[in-house]
Amino acid sequence: HTKTFYTKVRQYQELSEIDKPNDISFGSRMGKSAEILCKFAAIAELMKIVLEILKILRLQNQFD
């Protein structure tokens, strides 16, 4: 799953480079998108943790 994520990021980067490689704002644009991707990754990670916690709680409730 992580591999496909990185492949998509790489595809995005390649497309962006084809778009305007000598653009001055290119660096900041890539920085922005990387920032957004990191935030999404963090959110996804949080969601995964929350789901695991819920699963544990559900199992505990079954035993009570």
N, C-alpha and C. Protein backbone atom coordinates (compact mmCIF):
# COMPACT_ATOMS: atom_id res chain seq x y z
N HIS A 1 0.84 -1.20 0.00
CA HIS A 1 0.00 0.00 0.00
C HIS A 1 0.87 1.25 0.00
N THR A 2 1.94 1.21 0.80
CA THR A 2 2.85 2.35 0.86
C THR A 2 3.56 2.51 -0.49
N LYS A 3 3.85 1.37 -1.12
CA LYS A 3 4.55 1.40 -2.41
C LYS A 3 3.72 2.14 -3.45
N THR A 4 2.42 1.85 -3.51
CA THR A 4 1.55 2.52 -4.48
C THR A 4 1.48 4.01 -4.18
N PHE A 5 1.48 4.36 -2.89
CA PHE A 5 1.46 5.77 -2.50
C PHE A 5 2.69 6.49 -3.06
N TYR A 6 3.87 5.88 -2.87
CA TYR A 6 5.10 6.49 -3.36
C TYR A 6 5.14 6.53 -4.88
N THR A 7 4.58 5.52 -5.52
CA THR A 7 4.54 5.51 -6.99
C THR A 7 3.71 6.68 -7.48
N LYS A 8 2.57 6.92 -6.82
CA LYS A 8 1.70 8.03 -7.20
C LYS A 8 2.43 9.36 -6.99
N VAL A 9 3.15 9.47 -5.88
CA VAL A 9 3.90 10.70 -5.59
C VAL A 9 4.94 10.92 -6.68
N ARG A 10 5.64 9.84 -7.05
CA ARG A 10 6.66 9.94 -8.08
C ARG A 10 6.04 10.35 -9.41
N GLN A 11 4.90 9.74 -9.75
CA GLN A 11 4.18 10.08 -10.98
C GLN A 11 3.82 11.56 -10.97
N TYR A 12 3.32 12.02 -9.83
CA TYR A 12 2.93 13.43 -9.68
C TYR A 12 4.13 14.34 -9.89
N GLN A 13 5.26 13.97 -9.28
CA GLN A 13 6.48 14.77 -9.40
C GLN A 13 6.95 14.83 -10.85
N GLU A 14 6.90 13.68 -11.52
CA GLU A 14 7.33 13.64 -12.92
C GLU A 14 6.45 14.52 -13.78
N LEU A 15 5.14 14.45 -13.56
CA LEU A 15 4.20 15.28 -14.32
C LEU A 15 4.43 16.76 -14.05
N SER A 16 4.73 17.08 -12.81
CA SER A 16 4.98 18.48 -12.45
C SER A 16 6.25 18.98 -13.14
N GLU A 17 7.26 18.12 -13.22
CA GLU A 17 8.52 18.51 -13.85
C GLU A 17 8.34 18.73 -15.34
N ILE A 18 7.53 17.88 -15.96
CA ILE A 18 7.24 18.03 -17.39
C ILE A 18 6.53 19.36 -17.61
N ASP A 19 5.65 19.68 -16.65
CA ASP A 19 4.85 20.90 -16.72
C ASP A 19 5.72 22.15 -16.89
N LYS A 20 6.53 22.48 -15.87
CA LYS A 20 7.40 23.67 -15.93
C LYS A 20 8.65 23.43 -15.09
N PRO A 21 9.67 22.84 -15.68
CA PRO A 21 10.88 22.55 -14.90
C PRO A 21 11.68 23.80 -14.53
N ASN A 22 11.60 24.86 -15.35
CA ASN A 22 12.40 26.05 -15.07
C ASN A 22 11.57 27.16 -14.42
N ASP A 23 10.43 26.78 -13.86
CA ASP A 23 9.57 27.74 -13.18
C ASP A 23 10.20 28.11 -11.83
N ILE A 24 10.20 29.40 -11.50
CA ILE A 24 10.80 29.86 -10.25
C ILE A 24 9.99 29.35 -9.06
N SER A 25 8.67 29.37 -9.20
CA SER A 25 7.79 28.94 -8.10
C SER A 25 7.67 27.42 -8.03
N PHE A 26 8.40 26.73 -8.94
CA PHE A 26 8.32 25.27 -8.99
C PHE A 26 8.71 24.64 -7.66
N GLY A 27 9.82 25.11 -7.10
CA GLY A 27 10.32 24.57 -5.83
C GLY A 27 9.32 24.73 -4.71
N SER A 28 8.76 25.92 -4.62
CA SER A 28 7.80 26.18 -3.54
C SER A 28 6.51 25.40 -3.78
N ARG A 29 6.17 25.21 -5.07
CA ARG A 29 4.96 24.45 -5.40
C ARG A 29 5.14 23.00 -4.96
N MET A 30 6.32 22.46 -5.23
CA MET A 30 6.60 21.08 -4.83
C MET A 30 6.63 20.98 -3.32
N GLY A 31 7.18 22.00 -2.66
CA GLY A 31 7.21 22.02 -1.20
C GLY A 31 5.82 22.00 -0.62
N LYS A 32 4.95 22.80 -1.23
CA LYS A 32 3.56 22.89 -0.79
C LYS A 32 2.87 21.53 -0.93
N SER A 33 3.02 20.92 -2.10
CA SER A 33 2.35 19.64 -2.35
C SER A 33 2.92 18.55 -1.44
N ALA A 34 4.23 18.61 -1.20
CA ALA A 34 4.85 17.63 -0.30
C ALA A 34 4.29 17.81 1.11
N GLU A 35 4.11 19.07 1.49
CA GLU A 35 3.55 19.41 2.80
C GLU A 35 2.14 18.82 2.93
N ILE A 36 1.33 19.02 1.89
CA ILE A 36 -0.05 18.53 1.87
C ILE A 36 -0.05 17.00 1.94
N LEU A 37 0.84 16.37 1.16
CA LEU A 37 0.92 14.91 1.15
C LEU A 37 1.31 14.38 2.53
N CYS A 38 2.23 15.09 3.19
CA CYS A 38 2.65 14.68 4.53
C CYS A 38 1.49 14.77 5.51
N LYS A 39 0.70 15.85 5.36
CA LYS A 39 -0.47 16.01 6.23
C LYS A 39 -1.47 14.89 5.99
N PHE A 40 -1.70 14.56 4.72
CA PHE A 40 -2.61 13.46 4.39
C PHE A 40 -2.10 12.14 4.97
N ALA A 41 -0.79 11.92 4.84
CA ALA A 41 -0.19 10.70 5.36
C ALA A 41 -0.36 10.63 6.87
N ALA A 42 -0.18 11.77 7.54
CA ALA A 42 -0.34 11.83 9.00
C ALA A 42 -1.78 11.54 9.39
N ILE A 43 -2.72 12.11 8.64
CA ILE A 43 -4.15 11.89 8.90
C ILE A 43 -4.49 10.41 8.71
N ALA A 44 -3.97 9.83 7.63
CA ALA A 44 -4.21 8.42 7.35
C ALA A 44 -3.67 7.55 8.48
N GLU A 45 -2.49 7.91 8.97
CA GLU A 45 -1.86 7.18 10.07
C GLU A 45 -2.71 7.28 11.34
N LEU A 46 -3.20 8.49 11.61
CA LEU A 46 -4.07 8.70 12.77
C LEU A 46 -5.34 7.87 12.67
N MET A 47 -5.94 7.87 11.47
CA MET A 47 -7.16 7.10 11.24
C MET A 47 -6.93 5.62 11.53
N LYS A 48 -5.77 5.13 11.06
CA LYS A 48 -5.42 3.73 11.25
C LYS A 48 -5.31 3.41 12.74
N ILE A 49 -4.66 4.31 13.49
CA ILE A 49 -4.50 4.13 14.93
C ILE A 49 -5.86 4.15 15.63
N VAL A 50 -6.70 5.11 15.24
CA VAL A 50 -8.04 5.22 15.83
C VAL A 50 -8.84 3.94 15.59
N LEU A 51 -8.76 3.42 14.35
CA LEU A 51 -9.48 2.19 14.02
C LEU A 51 -8.97 1.01 14.86
N GLU A 52 -7.65 0.97 15.08
CA GLU A 52 -7.08 -0.10 15.89
C GLU A 52 -7.56 0.01 17.33
N ILE A 53 -7.60 1.24 17.85
CA ILE A 53 -8.08 1.48 19.22
C ILE A 53 -9.54 1.04 19.34
N LEU A 54 -10.35 1.43 18.35
CA LEU A 54 -11.77 1.04 18.36
C LEU A 54 -11.93 -0.47 18.35
N LYS A 55 -11.08 -1.13 17.56
CA LYS A 55 -11.12 -2.58 17.47
C LYS A 55 -10.83 -3.20 18.84
N ILE A 56 -9.80 -2.67 19.51
CA ILE A 56 -9.42 -3.16 20.84
C ILE A 56 -10.55 -2.94 21.83
N LEU A 57 -11.15 -1.75 21.79
CA LEU A 57 -12.26 -1.43 22.69
C LEU A 57 -13.44 -2.36 22.45
N ARG A 58 -13.72 -2.64 21.18
CA ARG A 58 -14.83 -3.51 20.83
C ARG A 58 -14.58 -4.92 21.40
N LEU A 59 -13.33 -5.39 21.27
CA LEU A 59 -12.98 -6.71 21.80
C LEU A 59 -13.11 -6.74 23.31
N GLN A 60 -12.71 -5.65 23.98
CA GLN A 60 -12.81 -5.58 25.43
C GLN A 60 -14.27 -5.62 25.87
N ASN A 61 -15.13 -4.91 25.12
CA ASN A 61 -16.55 -4.88 25.45
C ASN A 61 -17.19 -6.25 25.33
N GLN A 62 -16.69 -7.05 24.39
CA GLN A 62 -17.23 -8.40 24.21
C GLN A 62 -16.93 -9.27 25.43
N PHE A 63 -15.79 -9.02 26.07
CA PHE A 63 -15.39 -9.84 27.20
C PHE A 63 -16.02 -9.39 28.51
N ASP A 64 -16.45 -8.14 28.58
CA ASP A 64 -17.03 -7.61 29.82
C ASP A 64 -18.40 -8.20 30.11
